[in-house]
Amino acid sequence: MKPARTKTPRKPLVKKGSQTNLKDPVGVYCRVRPLSFPDQECCIEVINNTTVQLHTPEGYRLNRNGDYKETQYSFKQVFGTHTTQKELFDVVANPLVDDLLHGKNGLLFTYGVTGSGKTHTMTGSPGEGGLLPRCLDMIFNSIGLFQAKRYVFKSNDRNSMDIQCEVDALLERQKREAMPNPKTPSSKRQIDPEFADMITVQEFCKAEEIDEDSVYGVFVSYIEIYNNYIYDLLEEVPFDPIKPKWNSGSIPMRNTDFIPPQSKLLREDKNHNMYVAGCTEVEVKSTEEAFEVFWRGQKKRRIANTHLNRESSRSHSVFNIRLVQAPLDADGDNVLQEKEQITISQLSLVDLAGSERTNRTKAEGNRLREAGNINQSLMTLRTCMEVLRENQMYGTNKMVPYRDSKLTHLFKNYFDGEGKVRMIVCVNPKAEDYEESLQVMRFAEVTQEVEVARPVDKAICGLTPGRRLRNQARGGPVGDEPLAIEVVLQSFPPLPSCEILDINDEQTLPRLIEALEKRHHLRQVMIDEFNKQSVTFKALLQEFDNAVLNKENYIQGKLNEKEKVISGQKLELERLEKKNKTLEYKIEILEKTTTIYEEDKRNLQQELETQNQKLQRQFSDKRRLEARLQGMVTETTMKWEKECERRVAAKQLEMQNKLWVKDEKLKQLKAIVTEPKTEKPERPSRERDREKVTQRPVSPSPVPNAPPVRLRHRRSRSAGDRWVDHKPASNVQTETVMQPHVPHAITVSVANEKALAKCDKYMLTHQELASDGEIETKLIKGDVYKTRGGGQSVQFTDIETLKQESQSGSRKRRSSTEAPAQPDGTECEWTDVETRCSVAVEMRAGSQLGPGYQHHAQPKRKKP
């Protein structure tokens, strides 16, 4: 099966003078013209050489805060009111002319409000030439010795140049000089005094590093863009069509011979550069000649008197300077006759019409229409700059509206990377132009953010440098030295005047006959010399023919030998062709086999794709099932979590109730432990005990006459541990035989953290009156533990009771659970588990054991 025929892709457009990796911003400069009158109000101030500041003049609206609004704008360089034309040229235009001489393009245009000094900056004034004459002067100072003869370069209608030999150029010059009114200005004419002061430049300026092995030609053209139409200012048409005849009433007069001006069209050449088709291009050889051409077109430019400017430009003018460069041949004598080696560079000097407001210019009729077209073209230029900046800053690819205006369409190649672009913003500092100057500054701010691709250097022709100098050393022509054919033509005697004004004139014809006879005789001598040289040349040709014949015979013998070799190679070629056919047959069989295998491969691939789809569906079902099971697991988990939380909450409530009961018991214990004893209890008498049952009498004091008895101490059952023996100061010494004694104990009257930290057992001695009036001593024992808070806690484990009874034994009080009798007659009572108060009491770090007891309960469990 034949493949489908596709459209041949278009080759990408490659700009001859652009580099995509190197870009330069548009150079924007500002020039401030001086005020017309010293007492005028100024709204623009030069801060430094790169910054200007705009002040809001009196009478204009203020900003919201009520203060004067001051705005600063930065430029590549700012030129003040005292800047000379020379200083401006050296900074702005000199680099562009230098690039022009090295084969690079450039664009320089002035922009500003009407009356801001744009035309003065570009053209100049008497005694102070502007940028245009200075550019021309620098060009001709640099290439003066290396200019080609006139008409060696010849422009065509395709925006390119043709090259002619010296003879054709000479004939063309003679033909043009014989015309009654030559169109090409001559460099021998006297300078027009009207502009002589403008082109008289005192400072000599010349470019460096000019290619001396090339010849140069300069061509100029001058056009204007009026109402978005292009007109040629150098076109020679009768009756001055650019400016019609007007009468005193500003109404065009009826003139049957009046020919309306013909506008020109924009076209694109083979290199995709825009040019004006049919535009007059004049070759010039000096600064005076070039400025004369410019001045001739300047007289045709449209200007008018407006309310703001007496001579206001009503159109955009473009003065193009094209420099044609071609290398010399290998001998350094003549121009190399190869059109591909021609280098054409162009410098466009643009004087834009001033932007203006119609309510200030008081424009009406044609002036109003002109102002509208001027503002429209300038607005299109601003829009193109904004779109270019947006595309470069944000990476967008919006279409730049070049075609909306002839001005932007003509120079679109410069913004696409065909050369450097420079703009001079001219401003008038007077207060009346504040709003227009503000718009100009904003446009300049946008323009200098646009970047243009940097042009590359021209390609080298490949010939050896220094050809011109070597030719001059051999005695070749230098500068304007005439050629041989010019010498021959000039050797003929000049023809006398052939005009016969009198019928009796008998001198004119004899002089003419004599001159013709001399010419005929000289011609005959030259013919004889030519015949002699022809005979000699024929003999040389005969010798050359014989040599060529011998060479041909030798070559024929060689050809015969080569034919034998070719015959043998033909036989070898036939053998290889047969072998090739055999191989082609084998290749055809292999192709069929390959086709079968490819068919099997496609079938297997389809089966594999089917299985993959099946596996994918199963995998999708599995994932859905897993998601469903995961949902069920999550739901069940949440359900059991809620159930566990409910049970935990119920258990916590139950434990809190139990804990509250223990807290109540602990409070009772704390009340017992921390009960203050301010007075020691006295032992009451038996009689008082009998009288008052409610009072608890103490035991009678021992008999004074009784012999002293040695005190015996009761040893604690845990005597092997380190104890804290807490005996309050209010306790009464019972002087009984059995006394609690713990060896190596720390006895304190008030419990403290330091003592508890050194011991692991705690004992509190508590005394109170029993029901029979005797003192009952209770020993409350517990274990000391360290807490996570850094303190110590005491867990009470046991209570021992020491009780003393009278000898009569008439009254004996026993606890509900009796303990075994002690040898000294005292009883030790044990309470039940709840009475033992097996709870934890925590003492905080730095506190004293006493009223600061606090219950240490288990924290509430948080939900996961």
Foldseek 3Di string as FASTA:
>chain_A
DDDDDDDDDDDDADFQFFDPVDWAFAAEEEEEADAPDPPFDFQWADPDFFKIKGWADPPDDDDPVPDIDIDMFGGPTYHYNPDAQVVVCVVFVPVQLLVQLQQAAEEEEEAAAWPLCLCCQAANDQQGGHNVLVSQQQNCLAQVQQADQPPQWDDDQQPAIAGDWPVVRVVVVVVQVPDPDRLADDPPDDFDPVCPRRNPDPDHHYHPDRANQKHKWKKKFKWWQFLLFIAGLSDDDPPLQLDADADPVRDGDDDPPHDHTDTWDWDAHPSRAIDTGPTDMHIDNHSRSVVVSVVSSVVSFDFDCWLVHGTFGLIKMKMKMKMKMFGCDQLSAITDNDRVRIRIYMYIYIYQGRQDDCVRRVDDDPRVSSNVSSVVQVVLVLQLLQVLLCCVPVVDDDDRPQVVGPVSVNCVVQQAARHHYHYYYRYHRGNVCSVRVVVSSVSSNSSSSHMHGGTDGDDDPPHDGPSNVVNVVVVHDGRPDDDPVVVVVVPQDDADDQDDDDPPDPPNVVSRVVSVVSNVVVVVVVVVVVVVVVVVVVVVVVVVVVVVVVVVVVVVVVVVVVVVVVVVVVVVVVVVVVVVVVVVVVVVVVVVVVVVVVVVVVVVVVVVVVVVVVVVVVVVVVVVVVVVVVVVVVVVVVVVLVVVVVVLVVVVVVVVVVVVVLVVVVVVVLCQQQPDQPAADDADDPVVCVVDQPAQHADDDDDPVDDDDAAAEDEDPPLVFEEEEAEAPRYDDPPANYHYDRPNYHYDNWADQVRLVVGFKYWYWGWDGDSNNHIKIKIWIWTWDADPQGTIKTFTAWIWIWTDDDPVPPDDDDDPDFDDADPSRTGTDTDDRVVSSRAIWTDHPPDIPHPPTDGDDDDRDDRD
